[in-house]
Protein backbone atom coordinates (compact mmCIF):
# COMPACT_ATOMS: atom_id res chain seq x y z
CA UNK A 1 11.17 15.30 -4.83
CA UNK A 2 8.49 14.50 -2.30
CA UNK A 3 8.62 17.85 -0.47
CA UNK A 4 7.83 20.23 -3.32
CA UNK A 5 5.48 23.20 -3.25
CA UNK A 6 4.90 25.48 -6.25
CA UNK A 7 8.04 24.12 -7.92
CA UNK A 8 10.24 24.85 -4.88
CA UNK A 9 11.46 22.58 -2.12
CA UNK A 10 9.45 22.94 1.09
CA UNK A 11 12.16 22.57 3.74
CA UNK A 12 9.81 23.34 6.63
CA UNK A 13 7.47 20.49 5.68
CA UNK A 14 10.40 18.15 5.10
CA UNK A 15 11.73 18.90 8.59
CA UNK A 16 8.30 18.49 10.20
CA UNK A 17 7.56 15.19 8.48
CA UNK A 18 11.00 13.58 8.30
CA UNK A 19 14.18 15.41 9.30
CA UNK A 20 12.85 16.41 12.70
CA UNK A 21 12.23 12.85 13.90
CA UNK A 22 14.44 11.72 16.77
CA UNK A 23 15.74 8.63 14.98
CA UNK A 24 16.76 10.71 11.94
CA UNK A 25 18.48 13.27 14.20
CA UNK A 26 20.43 10.51 15.96
CA UNK A 27 21.61 8.97 12.68
CA UNK A 28 22.64 12.41 11.39
CA UNK A 29 24.62 12.99 14.59
CA UNK A 30 26.36 9.62 14.10
CA UNK A 31 27.29 10.51 10.50
CA UNK A 32 28.59 13.92 11.60
CA UNK A 33 30.62 12.25 14.35
CA UNK A 34 32.16 9.84 11.85
CA UNK A 35 33.13 12.78 9.64
CA UNK A 36 34.73 14.62 12.59
CA UNK A 37 36.67 11.48 13.53
CA UNK A 38 38.12 11.17 10.02
CA UNK A 39 38.88 14.92 9.90
CA UNK A 40 40.78 14.56 13.18
CA UNK A 41 42.86 11.77 11.63
CA UNK A 42 43.56 13.97 8.60
CA UNK A 43 41.82 11.63 6.15
CA UNK A 44 39.28 14.22 4.92
CA UNK A 45 38.86 17.97 5.02
CA UNK A 46 36.05 20.38 4.25
CA UNK A 47 35.44 20.83 0.55
CA UNK A 48 37.70 17.99 -0.60
CA UNK A 49 34.91 16.09 -2.41
CA UNK A 50 35.32 13.02 -0.21
CA UNK A 51 32.69 11.29 1.89
CA UNK A 52 33.06 9.17 4.99
CA UNK A 53 31.37 5.88 4.20
CA UNK A 54 30.11 3.26 6.62
CA UNK A 55 31.07 -0.17 5.27
CA UNK A 56 27.95 -1.56 6.93
CA UNK A 57 25.39 1.29 6.72
CA UNK A 58 23.81 2.68 9.87
CA UNK A 59 20.43 1.80 8.37
CA UNK A 60 21.51 -1.87 8.26
CA UNK A 61 22.77 -1.93 11.84
CA UNK A 62 26.28 -0.58 11.26
CA UNK A 63 28.15 1.32 13.94
CA UNK A 64 30.54 4.27 14.07
CA UNK A 65 33.62 2.30 15.06
CA UNK A 66 36.78 3.12 13.11
CA UNK A 67 36.81 -0.37 11.60
CA UNK A 68 33.44 0.35 9.93
CA UNK A 69 34.53 3.67 8.36
CA UNK A 70 36.31 4.39 5.09
CA UNK A 71 36.90 7.40 2.85
CA UNK A 72 35.41 7.36 -0.65
CA UNK A 73 34.84 9.90 -3.36
CA UNK A 74 31.49 11.59 -3.14
CA UNK A 75 30.31 10.08 -6.43
CA UNK A 76 31.36 6.54 -5.45
CA UNK A 77 29.63 6.83 -2.07
CA UNK A 78 26.33 7.85 -3.62
CA UNK A 79 26.32 5.32 -6.47
CA UNK A 80 25.18 2.19 -4.64
CA UNK A 81 22.18 0.21 -5.86
CA UNK A 82 18.76 1.32 -4.71
CA UNK A 83 15.24 -0.12 -4.73
CA UNK A 84 12.39 1.62 -6.56
CA UNK A 85 11.40 3.44 -3.36
CA UNK A 86 14.91 4.89 -2.97
CA UNK A 87 16.03 2.60 -0.13
CA UNK A 88 19.32 0.74 -0.39
CA UNK A 89 19.28 -2.83 -1.69
C-alpha cells in the first residue's frame, strides 16, 4: 500500500494526497449516486455483497445513466484486468 506508516495505513496522508482532490470527490459522489439509484429500484441493498458496476467506467468517460449501470457480485466487479501500476487496462 502506498500510504503506509509504521506498518499501519496513514489515512490522513492518503486523504491529503489523493482522496481529498476535487476530481476524486466528484467521481466518488457519482459512484454513490449510482448505488442510491439502484437501491431505489430495489436491485441492491446494504450488505448484500453486490456492487453497482459502470459498463463503461467513469475513468474511461462513462456516465451515470441507467443504461450504463449493472449489478455484479463484489468479487466479479473487482476482478477486471489491471496494468502494473494498478490502473485498468
